[in-house]
Amino acid sequence: DYSDEYCQEKQLSDLFEQCDILSLHVPQTEETMFMVNDEFLKRFKKPIYLINTARGKVVRIADLVKNLKNEKVKGACLDVLEYEKTSFEDLHANELPTDFQYLIEAENVLLSPHVGG
């Protein structure tokens, strides 16, 4: 149990109704694997900002890009990505996934090299 002074337990339905910024702080488990996908993002009543400093495979990048393009997601800050291994240093520009290339070029996306944890 936590004190209501600093945080409150809410239902997921409240999150979809009221959220402006979604910051993810979950482990990667079977339950959280690609939890943030198109179906999840469509449930928000208004456009949101997304922050992921959790694990890369919690967010399906193709669905995030789709929702950035249709402005359901206003912007994203990503410290982790679903297809990262230990580093992107060995990837060449012509080998980058199309969605990753979009994230690199998007003005409403901030990427950091997995240092947020």
PDB file of N, CA and C in Angstrom:
ATOM      1  N   ASP A   1       0.828  -1.191   0.000  1.00  0.00           N
ATOM      2  CA  ASP A   1       0.000   0.000   0.000  1.00  0.00           C
ATOM      3  C   ASP A   1       0.874   1.257   0.000  1.00  0.00           C
ATOM      4  N   TYR A   2       0.454   2.223  -0.771  1.00  0.00           N
ATOM      5  CA  TYR A   2       1.158   3.495  -0.859  1.00  0.00           C
ATOM      6  C   TYR A   2       0.263   4.604  -0.331  1.00  0.00           C
ATOM      7  N   SER A   3       0.896   5.641   0.185  1.00  0.00           N
ATOM      8  CA  SER A   3       0.163   6.793   0.681  1.00  0.00           C
ATOM      9  C   SER A   3      -0.470   7.542  -0.482  1.00  0.00           C
ATOM     10  N   ASP A   4      -1.700   7.992  -0.305  1.00  0.00           N
ATOM     11  CA  ASP A   4      -2.378   8.802  -1.316  1.00  0.00           C
ATOM     12  C   ASP A   4      -1.777  10.200  -1.426  1.00  0.00           C
ATOM     13  N   GLU A   5      -0.864  10.517  -0.499  1.00  0.00           N
ATOM     14  CA  GLU A   5      -0.236  11.828  -0.530  1.00  0.00           C
ATOM     15  C   GLU A   5       0.619  12.005  -1.793  1.00  0.00           C
ATOM     16  N   TYR A   6       1.246  10.930  -2.270  1.00  0.00           N
ATOM     17  CA  TYR A   6       2.162  11.022  -3.407  1.00  0.00           C
ATOM     18  C   TYR A   6       1.670  10.332  -4.670  1.00  0.00           C
ATOM     19  N   CYS A   7       0.796   9.377  -4.537  1.00  0.00           N
ATOM     20  CA  CYS A   7       0.284   8.689  -5.722  1.00  0.00           C
ATOM     21  C   CYS A   7      -1.072   8.075  -5.406  1.00  0.00           C
ATOM     22  N   GLN A   8      -1.797   7.807  -6.464  1.00  0.00           N
ATOM     23  CA  GLN A   8      -3.111   7.195  -6.316  1.00  0.00           C
ATOM     24  C   GLN A   8      -3.233   6.046  -7.296  1.00  0.00           C
ATOM     25  N   GLU A   9      -3.838   4.974  -6.843  1.00  0.00           N
ATOM     26  CA  GLU A   9      -4.107   3.863  -7.740  1.00  0.00           C
ATOM     27  C   GLU A   9      -5.327   4.209  -8.578  1.00  0.00           C
ATOM     28  N   LYS A  10      -5.198   4.036  -9.890  1.00  0.00           N
ATOM     29  CA  LYS A  10      -6.285   4.356 -10.813  1.00  0.00           C
ATOM     30  C   LYS A  10      -6.554   3.156 -11.710  1.00  0.00           C
ATOM     31  N   GLN A  11      -7.715   3.141 -12.287  1.00  0.00           N
ATOM     32  CA  GLN A  11      -8.066   2.120 -13.264  1.00  0.00           C
ATOM     33  C   GLN A  11      -7.496   2.520 -14.627  1.00  0.00           C
ATOM     34  N   LEU A  12      -7.241   1.544 -15.470  1.00  0.00           N
ATOM     35  CA  LEU A  12      -6.736   1.823 -16.804  1.00  0.00           C
ATOM     36  C   LEU A  12      -7.715   2.691 -17.592  1.00  0.00           C
ATOM     37  N   SER A  13      -8.994   2.514 -17.347  1.00  0.00           N
ATOM     38  CA  SER A  13     -10.006   3.337 -18.034  1.00  0.00           C
ATOM     39  C   SER A  13      -9.828   4.820 -17.699  1.00  0.00           C
ATOM     40  N   ASP A  14      -9.410   5.133 -16.460  1.00  0.00           N
ATOM     41  CA  ASP A  14      -9.131   6.522 -16.080  1.00  0.00           C
ATOM     42  C   ASP A  14      -7.955   7.075 -16.881  1.00  0.00           C
ATOM     43  N   LEU A  15      -6.952   6.243 -17.070  1.00  0.00           N
ATOM     44  CA  LEU A  15      -5.781   6.644 -17.841  1.00  0.00           C
ATOM     45  C   LEU A  15      -6.189   7.033 -19.259  1.00  0.00           C
ATOM     46  N   PHE A  16      -6.974   6.193 -19.905  1.00  0.00           N
ATOM     47  CA  PHE A  16      -7.401   6.468 -21.280  1.00  0.00           C
ATOM     48  C   PHE A  16      -8.258   7.733 -21.360  1.00  0.00           C
ATOM     49  N   GLU A  17      -8.978   8.029 -20.327  1.00  0.00           N
ATOM     50  CA  GLU A  17      -9.878   9.185 -20.299  1.00  0.00           C
ATOM     51  C   GLU A  17      -9.135  10.500 -20.024  1.00  0.00           C
ATOM     52  N   GLN A  18      -8.130  10.474 -19.133  1.00  0.00           N
ATOM     53  CA  GLN A  18      -7.562  11.711 -18.600  1.00  0.00           C
ATOM     54  C   GLN A  18      -6.109  11.994 -18.970  1.00  0.00           C
ATOM     55  N   CYS A  19      -5.405  11.018 -19.473  1.00  0.00           N
ATOM     56  CA  CYS A  19      -3.956  11.109 -19.650  1.00  0.00           C
ATOM     57  C   CYS A  19      -3.535  12.128 -20.710  1.00  0.00           C
ATOM     58  N   ASP A  20      -2.504  12.924 -20.379  1.00  0.00           N
ATOM     59  CA  ASP A  20      -1.848  13.816 -21.333  1.00  0.00           C
ATOM     60  C   ASP A  20      -0.469  13.266 -21.709  1.00  0.00           C
ATOM     61  N   ILE A  21       0.209  12.684 -20.719  1.00  0.00           N
ATOM     62  CA  ILE A  21       1.552  12.136 -20.906  1.00  0.00           C
ATOM     63  C   ILE A  21       1.577  10.741 -20.306  1.00  0.00           C
ATOM     64  N   LEU A  22       1.996   9.759 -21.102  1.00  0.00           N
ATOM     65  CA  LEU A  22       2.128   8.390 -20.624  1.00  0.00           C
ATOM     66  C   LEU A  22       3.609   8.068 -20.522  1.00  0.00           C
ATOM     67  N   SER A  23       4.075   7.824 -19.296  1.00  0.00           N
ATOM     68  CA  SER A  23       5.466   7.462 -19.057  1.00  0.00           C
ATOM     69  C   SER A  23       5.492   6.016 -18.591  1.00  0.00           C
ATOM     70  N   LEU A  24       6.212   5.177 -19.326  1.00  0.00           N
ATOM     71  CA  LEU A  24       6.217   3.739 -19.054  1.00  0.00           C
ATOM     72  C   LEU A  24       7.353   3.353 -18.117  1.00  0.00           C
ATOM     73  N   HIS A  25       6.994   2.591 -17.081  1.00  0.00           N
ATOM     74  CA  HIS A  25       7.955   2.112 -16.082  1.00  0.00           C
ATOM     75  C   HIS A  25       7.574   0.691 -15.710  1.00  0.00           C
ATOM     76  N   VAL A  26       7.690  -0.213 -16.662  1.00  0.00           N
ATOM     77  CA  VAL A  26       7.285  -1.605 -16.454  1.00  0.00           C
ATOM     78  C   VAL A  26       8.402  -2.527 -16.919  1.00  0.00           C
ATOM     79  N   PRO A  27       8.480  -3.730 -16.333  1.00  0.00           N
ATOM     80  CA  PRO A  27       9.447  -4.706 -16.836  1.00  0.00           C
ATOM     81  C   PRO A  27       8.928  -5.325 -18.132  1.00  0.00           C
ATOM     82  N   GLN A  28       9.814  -5.961 -18.861  1.00  0.00           N
ATOM     83  CA  GLN A  28       9.371  -6.698 -20.050  1.00  0.00           C
ATOM     84  C   GLN A  28       8.975  -8.102 -19.616  1.00  0.00           C
ATOM     85  N   THR A  29       7.689  -8.385 -19.729  1.00  0.00           N
ATOM     86  CA  THR A  29       7.149  -9.698 -19.387  1.00  0.00           C
ATOM     87  C   THR A  29       6.218 -10.124 -20.520  1.00  0.00           C
ATOM     88  N   GLU A  30       5.682 -11.311 -20.428  1.00  0.00           N
ATOM     89  CA  GLU A  30       4.695 -11.739 -21.424  1.00  0.00           C
ATOM     90  C   GLU A  30       3.505 -10.779 -21.442  1.00  0.00           C
ATOM     91  N   GLU A  31       3.126 -10.291 -20.269  1.00  0.00           N
ATOM     92  CA  GLU A  31       1.972  -9.391 -20.158  1.00  0.00           C
ATOM     93  C   GLU A  31       2.239  -8.011 -20.766  1.00  0.00           C
ATOM     94  N   THR A  32       3.479  -7.530 -20.653  1.00  0.00           N
ATOM     95  CA  THR A  32       3.781  -6.182 -21.138  1.00  0.00           C
ATOM     96  C   THR A  32       4.372  -6.154 -22.546  1.00  0.00           C
ATOM     97  N   MET A  33       4.697  -7.317 -23.106  1.00  0.00           N
ATOM     98  CA  MET A  33       5.283  -7.382 -24.452  1.00  0.00           C
ATOM     99  C   MET A  33       4.334  -6.750 -25.469  1.00  0.00           C
ATOM    100  N   PHE A  34       4.784  -5.679 -26.109  1.00  0.00           N
ATOM    101  CA  PHE A  34       4.009  -4.918 -27.096  1.00  0.00           C
ATOM    102  C   PHE A  34       2.651  -4.476 -26.555  1.00  0.00           C
ATOM    103  N   MET A  35       2.628  -4.176 -25.271  1.00  0.00           N
ATOM    104  CA  MET A  35       1.421  -3.683 -24.604  1.00  0.00           C
ATOM    105  C   MET A  35       0.943  -2.382 -25.255  1.00  0.00           C
ATOM    106  N   VAL A  36       1.883  -1.515 -25.615  1.00  0.00           N
ATOM    107  CA  VAL A  36       1.525  -0.268 -26.289  1.00  0.00           C
ATOM    108  C   VAL A  36       1.555  -0.543 -27.792  1.00  0.00           C
ATOM    109  N   ASN A  37       0.366  -0.771 -28.324  1.00  0.00           N
ATOM    110  CA  ASN A  37       0.207  -1.064 -29.747  1.00  0.00           C
ATOM    111  C   ASN A  37      -0.923  -0.187 -30.281  1.00  0.00           C
ATOM    112  N   ASP A  38      -1.316  -0.404 -31.518  1.00  0.00           N
ATOM    113  CA  ASP A  38      -2.344   0.441 -32.130  1.00  0.00           C
ATOM    114  C   ASP A  38      -3.652   0.392 -31.343  1.00  0.00           C
ATOM    115  N   GLU A  39      -4.059  -0.793 -30.951  1.00  0.00           N
ATOM    116  CA  GLU A  39      -5.315  -0.943 -30.197  1.00  0.00           C
ATOM    117  C   GLU A  39      -5.261  -0.161 -28.885  1.00  0.00           C
ATOM    118  N   PHE A  40      -4.134  -0.242 -28.181  1.00  0.00           N
ATOM    119  CA  PHE A  40      -3.943   0.466 -26.919  1.00  0.00           C
ATOM    120  C   PHE A  40      -3.998   1.976 -27.147  1.00  0.00           C
ATOM    121  N   LEU A  41      -3.278   2.464 -28.146  1.00  0.00           N
ATOM    122  CA  LEU A  41      -3.212   3.904 -28.401  1.00  0.00           C
ATOM    123  C   LEU A  41      -4.543   4.480 -28.856  1.00  0.00           C
ATOM    124  N   LYS A  42      -5.338   3.701 -29.563  1.00  0.00           N
ATOM    125  CA  LYS A  42      -6.654   4.165 -30.018  1.00  0.00           C
ATOM    126  C   LYS A  42      -7.613   4.417 -28.861  1.00  0.00           C
ATOM    127  N   ARG A  43      -7.344   3.839 -27.700  1.00  0.00           N
ATOM    128  CA  ARG A  43      -8.262   3.958 -26.565  1.00  0.00           C
ATOM    129  C   ARG A  43      -8.159   5.308 -25.853  1.00  0.00           C
ATOM    130  N   PHE A  44      -7.106   6.080 -26.111  1.00  0.00           N
ATOM    131  CA  PHE A  44      -6.967   7.386 -25.469  1.00  0.00           C
ATOM    132  C   PHE A  44      -7.972   8.359 -26.061  1.00  0.00           C
ATOM    133  N   LYS A  45      -8.633   9.107 -25.189  1.00  0.00           N
ATOM    134  CA  LYS A  45      -9.672  10.047 -25.616  1.00  0.00           C
ATOM    135  C   LYS A  45      -9.100  11.299 -26.259  1.00  0.00           C
ATOM    136  N   LYS A  46      -7.837  11.596 -25.982  1.00  0.00           N
ATOM    137  CA  LYS A  46      -7.192  12.774 -26.561  1.00  0.00           C
ATOM    138  C   LYS A  46      -5.751  12.407 -26.906  1.00  0.00           C
ATOM    139  N   PRO A  47      -5.107  13.190 -27.756  1.00  0.00           N
ATOM    140  CA  PRO A  47      -3.714  12.905 -28.112  1.00  0.00           C
ATOM    141  C   PRO A  47      -2.807  12.965 -26.883  1.00  0.00           C
ATOM    142  N   ILE A  48      -1.791  12.115 -26.878  1.00  0.00           N
ATOM    143  CA  ILE A  48      -0.879  12.023 -25.736  1.00  0.00           C
ATOM    144  C   ILE A  48       0.571  12.178 -26.184  1.00  0.00           C
ATOM    145  N   TYR A  49       1.428  12.400 -25.207  1.00  0.00           N
ATOM    146  CA  TYR A  49       2.870  12.272 -25.371  1.00  0.00           C
ATOM    147  C   TYR A  49       3.254  10.942 -24.733  1.00  0.00           C
ATOM    148  N   LEU A  50       4.202  10.239 -25.340  1.00  0.00           N
ATOM    149  CA  LEU A  50       4.633   8.932 -24.844  1.00  0.00           C
ATOM    150  C   LEU A  50       6.111   8.976 -24.481  1.00  0.00           C
ATOM    151  N   ILE A  51       6.425   8.493 -23.278  1.00  0.00           N
ATOM    152  CA  ILE A  51       7.809   8.368 -22.825  1.00  0.00           C
ATOM    153  C   ILE A  51       8.048   6.901 -22.509  1.00  0.00           C
ATOM    154  N   ASN A  52       9.082   6.317 -23.117  1.00  0.00           N
ATOM    155  CA  ASN A  52       9.424   4.929 -22.794  1.00  0.00           C
ATOM    156  C   ASN A  52      10.876   4.845 -22.356  1.00  0.00           C
ATOM    157  N   THR A  53      11.077   4.663 -21.052  1.00  0.00           N
ATOM    158  CA  THR A  53      12.397   4.378 -20.499  1.00  0.00           C
ATOM    159  C   THR A  53      12.396   2.984 -19.891  1.00  0.00           C
ATOM    160  N   ALA A  54      11.376   2.207 -20.208  1.00  0.00           N
ATOM    161  CA  ALA A  54      11.221   0.865 -19.633  1.00  0.00           C
ATOM    162  C   ALA A  54      12.021  -0.145 -20.449  1.00  0.00           C
ATOM    163  N   ARG A  55      11.361  -0.843 -21.324  1.00  0.00           N
ATOM    164  CA  ARG A  55      11.975  -1.848 -22.188  1.00  0.00           C
ATOM    165  C   ARG A  55      11.470  -1.636 -23.608  1.00  0.00           C
ATOM    166  N   GLY A  56      12.310  -1.907 -24.576  1.00  0.00           N
ATOM    167  CA  GLY A  56      11.983  -1.645 -25.969  1.00  0.00           C
ATOM    168  C   GLY A  56      10.760  -2.366 -26.477  1.00  0.00           C
ATOM    169  N   LYS A  57      10.604  -3.626 -26.091  1.00  0.00           N
ATOM    170  CA  LYS A  57       9.502  -4.417 -26.639  1.00  0.00           C
ATOM    171  C   LYS A  57       8.177  -4.188 -25.926  1.00  0.00           C
ATOM    172  N   VAL A  58       8.103  -3.177 -25.080  1.00  0.00           N
ATOM    173  CA  VAL A  58       6.824  -2.787 -24.483  1.00  0.00           C
ATOM    174  C   VAL A  58       6.008  -1.988 -25.507  1.00  0.00           C
ATOM    175  N   VAL A  59       6.695  -1.316 -26.435  1.00  0.00           N
ATOM    176  CA  VAL A  59       6.044  -0.480 -27.452  1.00  0.00           C
ATOM    177  C   VAL A  59       6.297  -1.072 -28.841  1.00  0.00           C
ATOM    178  N   ARG A  60       5.245  -1.308 -29.588  1.00  0.00           N
ATOM    179  CA  ARG A  60       5.384  -1.744 -30.989  1.00  0.00           C
ATOM    180  C   ARG A  60       5.635  -0.483 -31.822  1.00  0.00           C
ATOM    181  N   ILE A  61       6.861  -0.374 -32.319  1.00  0.00           N
ATOM    182  CA  ILE A  61       7.299   0.846 -32.994  1.00  0.00           C
ATOM    183  C   ILE A  61       6.470   1.163 -34.233  1.00  0.00           C
ATOM    184  N   ALA A  62       6.119   0.183 -35.033  1.00  0.00           N
ATOM    185  CA  ALA A  62       5.307   0.439 -36.238  1.00  0.00           C
ATOM    186  C   ALA A  62       3.985   1.098 -35.867  1.00  0.00           C
ATOM    187  N   ASP A  63       3.377   0.651 -34.766  1.00  0.00           N
ATOM    188  CA  ASP A  63       2.107   1.237 -34.322  1.00  0.00           C
ATOM    189  C   ASP A  63       2.313   2.637 -33.756  1.00  0.00           C
ATOM    190  N   LEU A  64       3.430   2.844 -33.069  1.00  0.00           N
ATOM    191  CA  LEU A  64       3.740   4.188 -32.573  1.00  0.00           C
ATOM    192  C   LEU A  64       3.908   5.154 -33.746  1.00  0.00           C
ATOM    193  N   VAL A  65       4.660   4.748 -34.755  1.00  0.00           N
ATOM    194  CA  VAL A  65       4.873   5.610 -35.925  1.00  0.00           C
ATOM    195  C   VAL A  65       3.543   5.934 -36.587  1.00  0.00           C
ATOM    196  N   LYS A  66       2.689   4.946 -36.748  1.00  0.00           N
ATOM    197  CA  LYS A  66       1.361   5.174 -37.338  1.00  0.00           C
ATOM    198  C   LYS A  66       0.605   6.245 -36.557  1.00  0.00           C
ATOM    199  N   ASN A  67       0.669   6.159 -35.220  1.00  0.00           N
ATOM    200  CA  ASN A  67      -0.080   7.093 -34.379  1.00  0.00           C
ATOM    201  C   ASN A  67       0.608   8.448 -34.243  1.00  0.00           C
ATOM    202  N   LEU A  68       1.906   8.512 -34.479  1.00  0.00           N
ATOM    203  CA  LEU A  68       2.579   9.808 -34.589  1.00  0.00           C
ATOM    204  C   LEU A  68       2.132  10.505 -35.876  1.00  0.00           C
ATOM    205  N   LYS A  69       2.040   9.743 -36.939  1.00  0.00           N
ATOM    206  CA  LYS A  69       1.636  10.318 -38.230  1.00  0.00           C
ATOM    207  C   LYS A  69       0.196  10.809 -38.215  1.00  0.00           C
ATOM    208  N   ASN A  70      -0.698  10.074 -37.529  1.00  0.00           N
ATOM    209  CA  ASN A  70      -2.106  10.511 -37.493  1.00  0.00           C
ATOM    210  C   ASN A  70      -2.387  11.429 -36.299  1.00  0.00           C
ATOM    211  N   GLU A  71      -1.329  11.796 -35.559  1.00  0.00           N
ATOM    212  CA  GLU A  71      -1.363  12.754 -34.446  1.00  0.00           C
ATOM    213  C   GLU A  71      -2.172  12.289 -33.244  1.00  0.00           C
ATOM    214  N   LYS A  72      -2.417  10.998 -33.132  1.00  0.00           N
ATOM    215  CA  LYS A  72      -2.999  10.438 -31.904  1.00  0.00           C
ATOM    216  C   LYS A  72      -1.943  10.506 -30.793  1.00  0.00           C
ATOM    217  N   VAL A  73      -0.673  10.391 -31.198  1.00  0.00           N
ATOM    218  CA  VAL A  73       0.463  10.615 -30.297  1.00  0.00           C
ATOM    219  C   VAL A  73       1.133  11.905 -30.765  1.00  0.00           C
ATOM    220  N   LYS A  74       1.181  12.907 -29.856  1.00  0.00           N
ATOM    221  CA  LYS A  74       1.735  14.221 -30.208  1.00  0.00           C
ATOM    222  C   LYS A  74       3.253  14.208 -30.315  1.00  0.00           C
ATOM    223  N   GLY A  75       3.876  13.347 -29.523  1.00  0.00           N
ATOM    224  CA  GLY A  75       5.330  13.270 -29.517  1.00  0.00           C
ATOM    225  C   GLY A  75       5.768  12.094 -28.677  1.00  0.00           C
ATOM    226  N   ALA A  76       7.030  11.708 -28.849  1.00  0.00           N
ATOM    227  CA  ALA A  76       7.550  10.565 -28.103  1.00  0.00           C
ATOM    228  C   ALA A  76       8.989  10.819 -27.684  1.00  0.00           C
ATOM    229  N   CYS A  77       9.316  10.340 -26.489  1.00  0.00           N
ATOM    230  CA  CYS A  77      10.685  10.320 -25.979  1.00  0.00           C
ATOM    231  C   CYS A  77      11.008   8.853 -25.736  1.00  0.00           C
ATOM    232  N   LEU A  78      11.988   8.343 -26.462  1.00  0.00           N
ATOM    233  CA  LEU A  78      12.275   6.913 -26.412  1.00  0.00           C
ATOM    234  C   LEU A  78      13.729   6.676 -26.036  1.00  0.00           C
ATOM    235  N   ASP A  79      13.923   5.976 -24.936  1.00  0.00           N
ATOM    236  CA  ASP A  79      15.251   5.594 -24.495  1.00  0.00           C
ATOM    237  C   ASP A  79      15.555   4.163 -24.927  1.00  0.00           C
ATOM    238  N   VAL A  80      14.529   3.443 -25.337  1.00  0.00           N
ATOM    239  CA  VAL A  80      14.655   2.046 -25.752  1.00  0.00           C
ATOM    240  C   VAL A  80      13.757   1.816 -26.967  1.00  0.00           C
ATOM    241  N   LEU A  81      14.138   0.866 -27.804  1.00  0.00           N
ATOM    242  CA  LEU A  81      13.374   0.541 -29.008  1.00  0.00           C
ATOM    243  C   LEU A  81      13.241  -0.970 -29.132  1.00  0.00           C
ATOM    244  N   GLU A  82      12.183  -1.425 -29.763  1.00  0.00           N
ATOM    245  CA  GLU A  82      11.907  -2.862 -29.815  1.00  0.00           C
ATOM    246  C   GLU A  82      12.988  -3.671 -30.505  1.00  0.00           C
ATOM    247  N   TYR A  83      13.688  -3.118 -31.479  1.00  0.00           N
ATOM    248  CA  TYR A  83      14.656  -3.909 -32.222  1.00  0.00           C
ATOM    249  C   TYR A  83      16.102  -3.615 -31.854  1.00  0.00           C
ATOM    250  N   GLU A  84      16.316  -2.946 -30.751  1.00  0.00           N
ATOM    251  CA  GLU A  84      17.695  -2.688 -30.376  1.00  0.00           C
ATOM    252  C   GLU A  84      18.313  -3.942 -29.775  1.00  0.00           C
ATOM    253  N   LYS A  85      19.591  -4.071 -30.010  1.00  0.00           N
ATOM    254  CA  LYS A  85      20.353  -5.158 -29.398  1.00  0.00           C
ATOM    255  C   LYS A  85      21.172  -4.486 -28.313  1.00  0.00           C
ATOM    256  N   THR A  86      22.470  -4.528 -28.410  1.00  0.00           N
ATOM    257  CA  THR A  86      23.270  -3.816 -27.424  1.00  0.00           C
ATOM    258  C   THR A  86      23.556  -2.393 -27.871  1.00  0.00           C
ATOM    259  N   SER A  87      23.546  -2.177 -29.184  1.00  0.00           N
ATOM    260  CA  SER A  87      23.861  -0.848 -29.683  1.00  0.00           C
ATOM    261  C   SER A  87      23.478  -0.746 -31.153  1.00  0.00           C
ATOM    262  N   PHE A  88      23.301   0.473 -31.631  1.00  0.00           N
ATOM    263  CA  PHE A  88      23.010   0.701 -33.045  1.00  0.00           C
ATOM    264  C   PHE A  88      24.279   1.053 -33.823  1.00  0.00           C
ATOM    265  N   GLU A  89      25.439   1.001 -33.179  1.00  0.00           N
ATOM    266  CA  GLU A  89      26.674   1.446 -33.818  1.00  0.00           C
ATOM    267  C   GLU A  89      27.010   0.667 -35.082  1.00  0.00           C
ATOM    268  N   ASP A  90      26.613  -0.600 -35.158  1.00  0.00           N
ATOM    269  CA  ASP A  90      26.957  -1.428 -36.310  1.00  0.00           C
ATOM    270  C   ASP A  90      25.939  -1.345 -37.438  1.00  0.00           C
ATOM    271  N   LEU A  91      24.850  -0.613 -37.246  1.00  0.00           N
ATOM    272  CA  LEU A  91      23.857  -0.461 -38.311  1.00  0.00           C
ATOM    273  C   LEU A  91      24.296   0.628 -39.282  1.00  0.00           C
ATOM    274  N   HIS A  92      24.121   0.365 -40.550  1.00  0.00           N
ATOM    275  CA  HIS A  92      24.415   1.363 -41.579  1.00  0.00           C
ATOM    276  C   HIS A  92      23.102   2.009 -41.992  1.00  0.00           C
ATOM    277  N   ALA A  93      23.164   3.216 -42.494  1.00  0.00           N
ATOM    278  CA  ALA A  93      21.953   3.972 -42.835  1.00  0.00           C
ATOM    279  C   ALA A  93      21.033   3.204 -43.770  1.00  0.00           C
ATOM    280  N   ASN A  94      21.583   2.434 -44.700  1.00  0.00           N
ATOM    281  CA  ASN A  94      20.729   1.698 -45.632  1.00  0.00           C
ATOM    282  C   ASN A  94      20.130   0.437 -45.013  1.00  0.00           C
ATOM    283  N   GLU A  95      20.510   0.106 -43.780  1.00  0.00           N
ATOM    284  CA  GLU A  95      19.985  -1.072 -43.094  1.00  0.00           C
ATOM    285  C   GLU A  95      18.955  -0.720 -42.021  1.00  0.00           C
ATOM    286  N   LEU A  96      18.735   0.558 -41.787  1.00  0.00           N
ATOM    287  CA  LEU A  96      17.820   0.968 -40.725  1.00  0.00           C
ATOM    288  C   LEU A  96      16.385   0.620 -41.094  1.00  0.00           C
ATOM    289  N   PRO A  97      15.627   0.056 -40.145  1.00  0.00           N
ATOM    290  CA  PRO A  97      14.207  -0.171 -40.419  1.00  0.00           C
ATOM    291  C   PRO A  97      13.526   1.157 -40.772  1.00  0.00           C
ATOM    292  N   THR A  98      12.558   1.115 -41.666  1.00  0.00           N
ATOM    293  CA  THR A  98      11.855   2.318 -42.124  1.00  0.00           C
ATOM    294  C   THR A  98      11.263   3.100 -40.956  1.00  0.00           C
ATOM    295  N   ASP A  99      10.672   2.386 -39.996  1.00  0.00           N
ATOM    296  CA  ASP A  99      10.068   3.070 -38.845  1.00  0.00           C
ATOM    297  C   ASP A  99      11.121   3.763 -37.991  1.00  0.00           C
ATOM    298  N   PHE A 100      12.294   3.142 -37.846  1.00  0.00           N
ATOM    299  CA  PHE A 100      13.378   3.755 -37.088  1.00  0.00           C
ATOM    300  C   PHE A 100      13.861   5.010 -37.811  1.00  0.00           C
ATOM    301  N   GLN A 101      13.961   4.940 -39.125  1.00  0.00           N
ATOM    302  CA  GLN A 101      14.360   6.109 -39.912  1.00  0.00           C
ATOM    303  C   GLN A 101      13.370   7.253 -39.694  1.00  0.00           C
ATOM    304  N   TYR A 102      12.073   6.934 -39.650  1.00  0.00           N
ATOM    305  CA  TYR A 102      11.055   7.958 -39.387  1.00  0.00           C
ATOM    306  C   TYR A 102      11.299   8.601 -38.019  1.00  0.00           C
ATOM    307  N   LEU A 103      11.563   7.776 -37.000  1.00  0.00           N
ATOM    308  CA  LEU A 103      11.788   8.301 -35.649  1.00  0.00           C
ATOM    309  C   LEU A 103      12.994   9.235 -35.618  1.00  0.00           C
ATOM    310  N   ILE A 104      14.044   8.872 -36.330  1.00  0.00           N
ATOM    311  CA  ILE A 104      15.254   9.697 -36.367  1.00  0.00           C
ATOM    312  C   ILE A 104      14.954  11.071 -36.964  1.00  0.00           C
ATOM    313  N   GLU A 105      14.129  11.098 -37.982  1.00  0.00           N
ATOM    314  CA  GLU A 105      13.865  12.337 -38.712  1.00  0.00           C
ATOM    315  C   GLU A 105      12.716  13.167 -38.148  1.00  0.00           C
ATOM    316  N   ALA A 106      11.853  12.572 -37.348  1.00  0.00           N
ATOM    317  CA  ALA A 106      10.670  13.275 -36.838  1.00  0.00           C
ATOM    318  C   ALA A 106      11.067  14.368 -35.844  1.00  0.00           C
ATOM    319  N   GLU A 107      10.479  15.537 -35.996  1.00  0.00           N
ATOM    320  CA  GLU A 107      10.774  16.656 -35.101  1.00  0.00           C
ATOM    321  C   GLU A 107      10.101  16.513 -33.743  1.00  0.00           C
ATOM    322  N   ASN A 108       9.118  15.642 -33.636  1.00  0.00           N
ATOM    323  CA  ASN A 108       8.406  15.463 -32.365  1.00  0.00           C
ATOM    324  C   ASN A 108       8.825  14.182 -31.652  1.00  0.00           C
ATOM    325  N   VAL A 109      10.021  13.675 -31.973  1.00  0.00           N
ATOM    326  CA  VAL A 109      10.544  12.463 -31.337  1.00  0.00           C
ATOM    327  C   VAL A 109      11.946  12.744 -30.818  1.00  0.00           C
ATOM    328  N   LEU A 110      12.180  12.374 -29.558  1.00  0.00           N
ATOM    329  CA  LEU A 110      13.515  12.444 -28.960  1.00  0.00           C
ATOM    330  C   LEU A 110      13.983  11.021 -28.714  1.00  0.00           C
ATOM    331  N   LEU A 111      15.197  10.708 -29.160  1.00  0.00           N
ATOM    332  CA  LEU A 111      15.780   9.387 -28.951  1.00  0.00           C
ATOM    333  C   LEU A 111      17.019   9.529 -28.086  1.00  0.00           C
ATOM    334  N   SER A 112      17.197   8.612 -27.158  1.00  0.00           N
ATOM    335  CA  SER A 112      18.428   8.570 -26.373  1.00  0.00           C
ATOM    336  C   SER A 112      18.935   7.131 -26.386  1.00  0.00           C
ATOM    337  N   PRO A 113      20.245   6.936 -26.216  1.00  0.00           N
ATOM    338  CA  PRO A 113      20.845   5.609 -26.378  1.00  0.00           C
ATOM    339  C   PRO A 113      20.790   4.736 -25.126  1.00  0.00           C
ATOM    340  N   HIS A 114      19.604   4.474 -24.630  1.00  0.00           N
ATOM    341  CA  HIS A 114      19.377   3.590 -23.481  1.00  0.00           C
ATOM    342  C   HIS A 114      20.215   4.010 -22.265  1.00  0.00           C
ATOM    343  N   VAL A 115      20.050   5.254 -21.892  1.00  0.00           N
ATOM    344  CA  VAL A 115      20.739   5.775 -20.715  1.00  0.00           C
ATOM    345  C   VAL A 115      19.764   6.274 -19.653  1.00  0.00           C
ATOM    346  N   GLY A 116      18.474   6.151 -19.905  1.00  0.00           N
ATOM    347  CA  GLY A 116      17.461   6.698 -19.005  1.00  0.00           C
ATOM    348  C   GLY A 116      17.207   5.862 -17.769  1.00  0.00           C
ATOM    349  N   GLY A 117      17.683   4.636 -17.738  1.00  0.00           N
ATOM    350  CA  GLY A 117      17.395   3.740 -16.620  1.00  0.00           C
ATOM    351  C   GLY A 117      18.314   4.006 -15.494  1.00  0.00           C
TER     352      GLY A 117
END
